[in-house]
């Protein structure tokens, strides 16, 4: 069985937390893919517009918007 490569986006205003998430995600042999980082909602929306991730780990309280606001904007995007 072929493993599909997954693209994950970690959306968190703490770079240190991202490093911890990335380390946990890559622990073991079960993950095949890439992990991207966005520190603001607008940055995450730009990344999602160019490279639609398979999964997003989303913090709710961000510098420029709340998590639900981000999800509403993402739902309205063409991708």
C-alpha atoms as a PDB file:
ATOM      1  CA  UNK A   1       0.000   0.000   0.000  1.00  0.00           C
ATOM      2  CA  UNK A   2       1.434   3.369  -1.042  1.00  0.00           C
ATOM      3  CA  UNK A   3       1.519   6.151   1.546  1.00  0.00           C
ATOM      4  CA  UNK A   4       0.108   9.429   0.311  1.00  0.00           C
ATOM      5  CA  UNK A   5       2.269  12.424   1.085  1.00  0.00           C
ATOM      6  CA  UNK A   6       0.364  14.824   3.346  1.00  0.00           C
ATOM      7  CA  UNK A   7       0.860  18.552   3.596  1.00  0.00           C
ATOM      8  CA  UNK A   8       0.119  19.960   7.042  1.00  0.00           C
ATOM      9  CA  UNK A   9      -0.057  23.612   8.054  1.00  0.00           C
ATOM     10  CA  UNK A  10       0.543  24.569  11.683  1.00  0.00           C
ATOM     11  CA  UNK A  11      -1.081  27.912  12.373  1.00  0.00           C
ATOM     12  CA  UNK A  12       0.235  29.246  15.691  1.00  0.00           C
ATOM     13  CA  UNK A  13       1.688  32.549  16.839  1.00  0.00           C
ATOM     14  CA  UNK A  14       4.440  30.763  18.784  1.00  0.00           C
ATOM     15  CA  UNK A  15       7.365  29.501  16.718  1.00  0.00           C
ATOM     16  CA  UNK A  16       8.462  27.442  19.735  1.00  0.00           C
ATOM     17  CA  UNK A  17       5.115  25.611  19.793  1.00  0.00           C
ATOM     18  CA  UNK A  18       5.463  24.954  16.058  1.00  0.00           C
ATOM     19  CA  UNK A  19       8.851  23.320  16.616  1.00  0.00           C
ATOM     20  CA  UNK A  20       7.273  21.060  19.275  1.00  0.00           C
ATOM     21  CA  UNK A  21       4.363  20.127  16.957  1.00  0.00           C
ATOM     22  CA  UNK A  22       6.722  19.440  14.083  1.00  0.00           C
ATOM     23  CA  UNK A  23       8.897  17.211  16.255  1.00  0.00           C
ATOM     24  CA  UNK A  24       5.853  15.243  17.455  1.00  0.00           C
ATOM     25  CA  UNK A  25       4.454  14.892  13.927  1.00  0.00           C
ATOM     26  CA  UNK A  26       7.732  13.491  12.611  1.00  0.00           C
ATOM     27  CA  UNK A  27       8.157  11.069  15.534  1.00  0.00           C
ATOM     28  CA  UNK A  28       7.954   7.484  14.351  1.00  0.00           C
ATOM     29  CA  UNK A  29       7.629   6.134  10.840  1.00  0.00           C
ATOM     30  CA  UNK A  30       3.948   6.838  10.156  1.00  0.00           C
ATOM     31  CA  UNK A  31       4.115  10.363   8.744  1.00  0.00           C
ATOM     32  CA  UNK A  32       4.975  10.963   5.102  1.00  0.00           C
ATOM     33  CA  UNK A  33       4.781  14.617   4.177  1.00  0.00           C
ATOM     34  CA  UNK A  34       5.662  18.215   4.849  1.00  0.00           C
ATOM     35  CA  UNK A  35       4.812  20.539   7.716  1.00  0.00           C
ATOM     36  CA  UNK A  36       4.407  24.262   7.025  1.00  0.00           C
ATOM     37  CA  UNK A  37       4.113  27.151   9.446  1.00  0.00           C
ATOM     38  CA  UNK A  38       2.059  30.337   9.532  1.00  0.00           C
ATOM     39  CA  UNK A  39       2.191  32.846  12.388  1.00  0.00           C
ATOM     40  CA  UNK A  40      -0.767  35.012  11.325  1.00  0.00           C
ATOM     41  CA  UNK A  41      -4.170  34.460   9.758  1.00  0.00           C
ATOM     42  CA  UNK A  42      -3.320  36.441   6.643  1.00  0.00           C
ATOM     43  CA  UNK A  43      -0.128  34.454   6.143  1.00  0.00           C
ATOM     44  CA  UNK A  44      -2.053  31.181   6.530  1.00  0.00           C
ATOM     45  CA  UNK A  45      -4.705  32.312   4.012  1.00  0.00           C
ATOM     46  CA  UNK A  46      -1.971  33.129   1.478  1.00  0.00           C
ATOM     47  CA  UNK A  47      -0.358  29.718   1.975  1.00  0.00           C
ATOM     48  CA  UNK A  48      -3.732  27.950   1.659  1.00  0.00           C
ATOM     49  CA  UNK A  49      -4.464  29.828  -1.568  1.00  0.00           C
ATOM     50  CA  UNK A  50      -1.209  28.619  -3.145  1.00  0.00           C
ATOM     51  CA  UNK A  51      -0.806  25.157  -1.605  1.00  0.00           C
ATOM     52  CA  UNK A  52      -4.048  23.782  -0.187  1.00  0.00           C
ATOM     53  CA  UNK A  53      -2.975  21.776   2.862  1.00  0.00           C
ATOM     54  CA  UNK A  54      -4.492  18.404   3.698  1.00  0.00           C
ATOM     55  CA  UNK A  55      -4.739  19.336   7.377  1.00  0.00           C
ATOM     56  CA  UNK A  56      -4.453  22.513   9.441  1.00  0.00           C
ATOM     57  CA  UNK A  57      -3.552  22.648  13.135  1.00  0.00           C
ATOM     58  CA  UNK A  58      -5.174  25.912  14.149  1.00  0.00           C
ATOM     59  CA  UNK A  59      -4.750  27.967  17.297  1.00  0.00           C
ATOM     60  CA  UNK A  60      -7.882  29.931  18.158  1.00  0.00           C
ATOM     61  CA  UNK A  61      -6.357  33.114  19.589  1.00  0.00           C
ATOM     62  CA  UNK A  62      -4.075  34.643  16.952  1.00  0.00           C
ATOM     63  CA  UNK A  63      -2.516  38.082  16.489  1.00  0.00           C
ATOM     64  CA  UNK A  64      -4.646  39.243  13.554  1.00  0.00           C
ATOM     65  CA  UNK A  65      -7.830  37.119  13.736  1.00  0.00           C
ATOM     66  CA  UNK A  66      -9.659  34.456  15.721  1.00  0.00           C
ATOM     67  CA  UNK A  67      -9.649  30.847  14.547  1.00  0.00           C
ATOM     68  CA  UNK A  68     -13.344  30.882  13.590  1.00  0.00           C
ATOM     69  CA  UNK A  69     -12.821  34.062  11.564  1.00  0.00           C
ATOM     70  CA  UNK A  70      -9.968  32.341   9.730  1.00  0.00           C
ATOM     71  CA  UNK A  71     -12.152  29.301   8.997  1.00  0.00           C
ATOM     72  CA  UNK A  72     -14.920  31.558   7.638  1.00  0.00           C
ATOM     73  CA  UNK A  73     -12.485  33.285   5.286  1.00  0.00           C
ATOM     74  CA  UNK A  74     -10.981  29.970   4.244  1.00  0.00           C
ATOM     75  CA  UNK A  75     -14.435  28.564   3.452  1.00  0.00           C
ATOM     76  CA  UNK A  76     -15.095  31.523   1.120  1.00  0.00           C
ATOM     77  CA  UNK A  77     -11.814  31.119  -0.738  1.00  0.00           C
ATOM     78  CA  UNK A  78     -11.917  29.642  -4.266  1.00  0.00           C
ATOM     79  CA  UNK A  79      -9.775  26.612  -3.340  1.00  0.00           C
END
